[in-house]
N, C-alpha and C. Protein backbone atom coordinates (compact mmCIF):
# COMPACT_ATOMS: atom_id res chain seq x y z
N MET A 1 -37.38 13.57 14.81
CA MET A 1 -38.22 14.17 13.79
C MET A 1 -38.72 12.86 13.13
N ALA A 2 -40.05 13.14 12.42
CA ALA A 2 -40.76 12.15 11.90
C ALA A 2 -40.23 12.06 10.40
N ASN A 3 -39.83 13.02 9.80
CA ASN A 3 -39.45 13.09 8.34
C ASN A 3 -37.92 13.02 8.20
N GLU A 4 -37.29 12.70 9.24
CA GLU A 4 -35.57 12.53 9.05
C GLU A 4 -35.31 11.83 8.07
N SER A 5 -34.38 12.19 7.25
CA SER A 5 -33.94 11.11 6.09
C SER A 5 -32.76 10.43 6.72
N GLU A 6 -32.67 9.37 6.18
CA GLU A 6 -31.51 8.37 6.45
C GLU A 6 -30.22 9.02 6.38
N ARG A 7 -29.97 10.06 5.41
CA ARG A 7 -28.53 10.54 5.06
C ARG A 7 -28.27 11.48 6.33
N SER A 8 -29.31 11.84 7.11
CA SER A 8 -28.94 12.87 8.15
C SER A 8 -28.37 12.05 9.40
N LYS A 9 -28.27 10.74 9.52
CA LYS A 9 -27.92 9.70 10.28
C LYS A 9 -26.44 9.34 10.25
N VAL A 10 -26.00 9.90 8.83
CA VAL A 10 -24.71 9.43 8.55
C VAL A 10 -23.55 10.22 9.17
N ILE A 11 -22.65 9.79 9.72
CA ILE A 11 -21.69 10.44 10.72
C ILE A 11 -20.37 10.36 9.51
N LEU A 12 -19.82 11.40 9.29
CA LEU A 12 -18.82 11.73 8.43
C LEU A 12 -17.48 11.67 9.04
N PHE A 13 -16.62 10.98 8.33
CA PHE A 13 -15.07 10.66 8.85
C PHE A 13 -14.38 12.07 8.98
N ASP A 14 -13.97 12.32 10.17
CA ASP A 14 -13.00 13.54 10.35
C ASP A 14 -11.76 13.19 10.57
N PRO A 15 -10.86 13.37 9.35
CA PRO A 15 -9.47 12.99 9.40
C PRO A 15 -8.45 13.49 10.50
N ASN A 16 -8.82 14.78 11.15
CA ASN A 16 -8.36 15.34 12.08
C ASN A 16 -8.90 15.18 13.32
N ALA A 17 -9.52 14.25 13.49
CA ALA A 17 -10.25 14.08 15.12
C ALA A 17 -9.26 13.33 15.74
N LYS A 18 -9.23 13.58 17.06
CA LYS A 18 -8.40 12.85 18.06
C LYS A 18 -8.61 11.41 18.32
N THR A 19 -7.40 10.57 18.25
CA THR A 19 -7.61 9.35 18.30
C THR A 19 -7.31 8.54 19.84
N GLU A 20 -7.38 9.60 20.87
CA GLU A 20 -7.26 9.06 22.25
C GLU A 20 -5.91 8.26 22.24
N THR A 21 -5.78 6.98 22.34
CA THR A 21 -4.50 6.50 22.86
C THR A 21 -4.07 5.70 21.50
N TYR A 22 -4.76 5.80 20.46
CA TYR A 22 -4.39 4.85 19.33
C TYR A 22 -3.16 5.60 18.47
N LYS A 23 -2.16 4.91 18.33
CA LYS A 23 -0.86 5.40 17.64
C LYS A 23 -0.61 4.18 16.35
N ARG A 24 -0.65 4.83 15.14
CA ARG A 24 -0.22 3.87 14.27
C ARG A 24 1.22 3.39 14.37
N SER A 25 1.41 2.16 14.16
CA SER A 25 2.44 1.26 14.10
C SER A 25 3.53 1.90 13.20
N ASP A 26 4.85 1.98 13.38
CA ASP A 26 5.89 2.40 12.67
C ASP A 26 6.49 1.26 11.56
N HIS A 27 5.83 0.13 11.71
CA HIS A 27 6.11 -1.14 10.90
C HIS A 27 5.92 -0.67 9.43
N ASN A 28 6.74 -1.07 8.53
CA ASN A 28 6.59 -0.78 7.05
C ASN A 28 5.45 -0.97 6.47
N ASP A 29 4.66 -2.09 6.75
CA ASP A 29 3.27 -2.40 6.32
C ASP A 29 2.26 -1.37 6.68
N PHE A 30 2.60 -0.46 7.48
CA PHE A 30 1.59 0.56 7.80
C PHE A 30 2.22 2.05 7.16
N ALA A 31 3.38 2.08 6.53
CA ALA A 31 3.92 3.25 6.23
C ALA A 31 3.21 3.80 4.72
N THR A 32 3.22 5.03 4.79
CA THR A 32 2.95 5.85 3.14
C THR A 32 4.12 5.53 2.29
N ALA A 33 3.75 5.76 1.03
CA ALA A 33 4.90 5.65 0.04
C ALA A 33 6.01 6.83 0.32
N SER A 34 5.77 7.99 0.85
CA SER A 34 6.67 9.29 1.14
C SER A 34 7.37 8.70 2.47
N GLU A 35 6.85 7.87 3.26
CA GLU A 35 7.50 7.38 4.40
C GLU A 35 8.60 6.28 4.16
N LEU A 36 8.08 5.52 3.05
CA LEU A 36 9.04 4.27 2.53
C LEU A 36 10.21 5.01 1.91
N LYS A 37 9.87 6.04 1.19
CA LYS A 37 11.11 6.77 0.35
C LYS A 37 12.02 7.51 1.41
N GLN A 38 11.44 7.98 2.32
CA GLN A 38 12.37 8.52 3.41
C GLN A 38 13.03 7.47 4.24
N ARG A 39 12.60 6.43 4.32
CA ARG A 39 13.39 5.47 4.95
C ARG A 39 14.13 4.68 4.28
N LYS A 40 14.15 4.90 3.03
CA LYS A 40 15.00 4.00 2.13
C LYS A 40 14.62 2.80 1.98
N PHE A 41 13.41 2.43 2.19
CA PHE A 41 12.76 0.92 1.96
C PHE A 41 13.28 0.18 0.84
N SER A 42 13.49 -1.17 1.03
CA SER A 42 14.00 -2.01 0.05
C SER A 42 13.12 -3.38 0.31
N GLY A 43 12.33 -3.62 -0.77
CA GLY A 43 11.66 -5.08 -0.40
C GLY A 43 10.34 -4.86 -1.43
N TRP A 44 9.50 -5.67 -1.09
CA TRP A 44 8.20 -5.92 -1.65
C TRP A 44 7.08 -5.38 -0.81
N ARG A 45 6.07 -4.47 -1.51
CA ARG A 45 5.04 -3.83 -0.83
C ARG A 45 3.75 -4.24 -1.71
N VAL A 46 2.76 -4.37 -1.17
CA VAL A 46 1.44 -4.63 -1.83
C VAL A 46 0.62 -3.24 -1.87
N ASN A 47 0.35 -2.59 -2.71
CA ASN A 47 -0.29 -1.57 -2.89
C ASN A 47 -1.72 -1.63 -2.79
N LYS A 48 -2.57 -1.59 -1.84
CA LYS A 48 -3.84 -1.87 -1.95
C LYS A 48 -4.67 -1.07 -2.67
N LEU A 49 -4.33 0.08 -3.00
CA LEU A 49 -5.24 1.06 -3.77
C LEU A 49 -5.20 0.77 -5.26
N SER A 50 -3.98 0.40 -5.85
CA SER A 50 -3.61 0.01 -7.22
C SER A 50 -3.65 -1.51 -7.40
N MET A 51 -3.73 -2.25 -6.33
CA MET A 51 -3.63 -3.66 -6.28
C MET A 51 -2.41 -4.19 -7.25
N GLU A 52 -1.19 -3.43 -7.03
CA GLU A 52 0.20 -3.79 -7.52
C GLU A 52 0.88 -4.24 -6.53
N ASN A 53 1.98 -5.26 -6.98
CA ASN A 53 2.99 -5.60 -6.09
C ASN A 53 4.05 -4.65 -6.31
N GLU A 54 4.71 -3.84 -5.39
CA GLU A 54 5.82 -3.03 -5.72
C GLU A 54 7.13 -3.32 -5.38
N LEU A 55 8.28 -3.52 -6.08
CA LEU A 55 9.52 -3.62 -5.76
C LEU A 55 10.29 -2.50 -5.52
N TRP A 56 10.58 -2.19 -4.07
CA TRP A 56 11.39 -1.08 -3.64
C TRP A 56 12.75 -1.18 -3.53
N VAL A 57 13.53 -0.36 -4.07
CA VAL A 57 15.08 -0.42 -3.72
C VAL A 57 15.57 0.88 -3.31
N ASN A 58 16.05 0.84 -2.19
CA ASN A 58 16.47 2.26 -1.56
C ASN A 58 15.59 3.47 -1.75
N GLY A 59 14.34 3.04 -1.26
CA GLY A 59 13.33 4.19 -1.41
C GLY A 59 12.90 4.56 -2.61
N GLU A 60 12.97 3.76 -3.53
CA GLU A 60 12.37 3.98 -4.95
C GLU A 60 11.61 2.78 -5.47
N ILE A 61 10.56 2.86 -6.04
CA ILE A 61 9.72 1.87 -6.97
C ILE A 61 10.54 1.48 -8.04
N VAL A 62 11.20 0.33 -8.14
CA VAL A 62 11.87 -0.05 -9.49
C VAL A 62 10.90 -1.00 -10.36
N ARG A 63 10.15 -1.65 -9.88
CA ARG A 63 9.28 -2.46 -10.79
C ARG A 63 7.86 -2.56 -10.05
N ARG A 64 6.78 -2.95 -10.91
CA ARG A 64 5.58 -3.27 -10.55
C ARG A 64 5.05 -4.30 -11.08
N VAL A 65 4.26 -5.15 -10.34
CA VAL A 65 3.56 -6.33 -10.92
C VAL A 65 2.17 -6.16 -10.53
N SER A 66 1.39 -6.15 -11.75
CA SER A 66 -0.23 -6.20 -11.47
C SER A 66 -0.90 -7.25 -10.94
N ALA A 67 -1.96 -7.22 -10.44
CA ALA A 67 -2.78 -8.41 -9.92
C ALA A 67 -2.94 -9.28 -11.20
N ALA A 68 -3.44 -8.72 -12.44
CA ALA A 68 -3.49 -9.64 -13.57
C ALA A 68 -2.33 -10.40 -13.79
N GLN A 69 -1.11 -9.73 -13.75
CA GLN A 69 0.22 -10.45 -14.27
C GLN A 69 0.45 -11.53 -13.33
N GLU A 70 0.11 -11.26 -12.01
CA GLU A 70 0.56 -12.37 -10.95
C GLU A 70 -0.67 -13.40 -11.08
N ALA A 71 -1.73 -13.13 -11.69
CA ALA A 71 -2.96 -14.19 -11.75
C ALA A 71 -2.63 -15.03 -12.97
N LEU A 72 -1.71 -14.32 -13.91
CA LEU A 72 -1.59 -15.24 -15.25
C LEU A 72 -0.20 -15.88 -14.97
N ASP A 73 0.65 -15.63 -13.98
CA ASP A 73 1.98 -16.16 -13.74
C ASP A 73 2.19 -15.96 -12.29
N PRO A 74 1.83 -16.83 -11.23
CA PRO A 74 2.10 -16.84 -9.99
C PRO A 74 3.54 -16.50 -9.56
N MET A 75 4.54 -16.97 -10.54
CA MET A 75 5.99 -16.58 -10.19
C MET A 75 6.44 -15.09 -10.70
N ALA A 76 5.53 -14.49 -11.20
CA ALA A 76 5.78 -13.02 -11.73
C ALA A 76 6.52 -12.17 -11.01
N CYS A 77 6.38 -11.92 -9.82
CA CYS A 77 7.21 -11.35 -8.70
C CYS A 77 8.57 -11.85 -8.65
N VAL A 78 8.80 -13.10 -8.46
CA VAL A 78 9.91 -13.79 -8.59
C VAL A 78 10.99 -13.51 -9.74
N LYS A 79 10.24 -13.70 -10.89
CA LYS A 79 10.90 -13.43 -12.17
C LYS A 79 11.22 -11.89 -12.20
N VAL A 80 10.40 -11.15 -11.85
CA VAL A 80 10.81 -9.41 -11.99
C VAL A 80 11.92 -9.30 -11.06
N GLN A 81 12.00 -9.74 -9.86
CA GLN A 81 13.09 -9.58 -9.03
C GLN A 81 14.26 -10.19 -9.52
N MET A 82 14.30 -11.23 -9.98
CA MET A 82 15.56 -11.82 -10.54
C MET A 82 16.16 -11.30 -11.81
N GLU A 83 15.06 -10.75 -12.61
CA GLU A 83 15.74 -9.74 -13.77
C GLU A 83 16.18 -8.48 -13.44
N TYR A 84 15.50 -7.96 -12.22
CA TYR A 84 16.12 -6.78 -11.93
C TYR A 84 17.39 -6.69 -11.39
N PHE A 85 17.69 -7.70 -10.50
CA PHE A 85 18.95 -8.10 -9.91
C PHE A 85 19.94 -8.81 -10.65
N GLY A 86 19.51 -9.12 -12.00
CA GLY A 86 20.36 -9.70 -12.96
C GLY A 86 20.74 -11.04 -12.41
N LEU A 87 19.83 -11.97 -11.90
CA LEU A 87 20.00 -13.36 -11.65
C LEU A 87 19.55 -14.33 -12.40
N LYS A 88 19.32 -13.90 -13.57
CA LYS A 88 18.81 -14.88 -14.54
C LYS A 88 20.02 -15.65 -15.30
């Protein structure tokens, strides 16, 4: 069509589309928050949506460190972890 708009060429993402042979990794880096909770995950995770570092203990987020906090103090995560576990 001569008058076809640019928007008509956009392909929308279908979250239910078949992915052929792709299978998401079971590694914790690719897990959702609900999966980490179910797995009773303990450790640090970077939440790419909120840009926060999250300290998880037994499937619960116990502390958060924002990107701004970390920019002001590169040792912020270490300090938060030490404080939480009483290592000061």
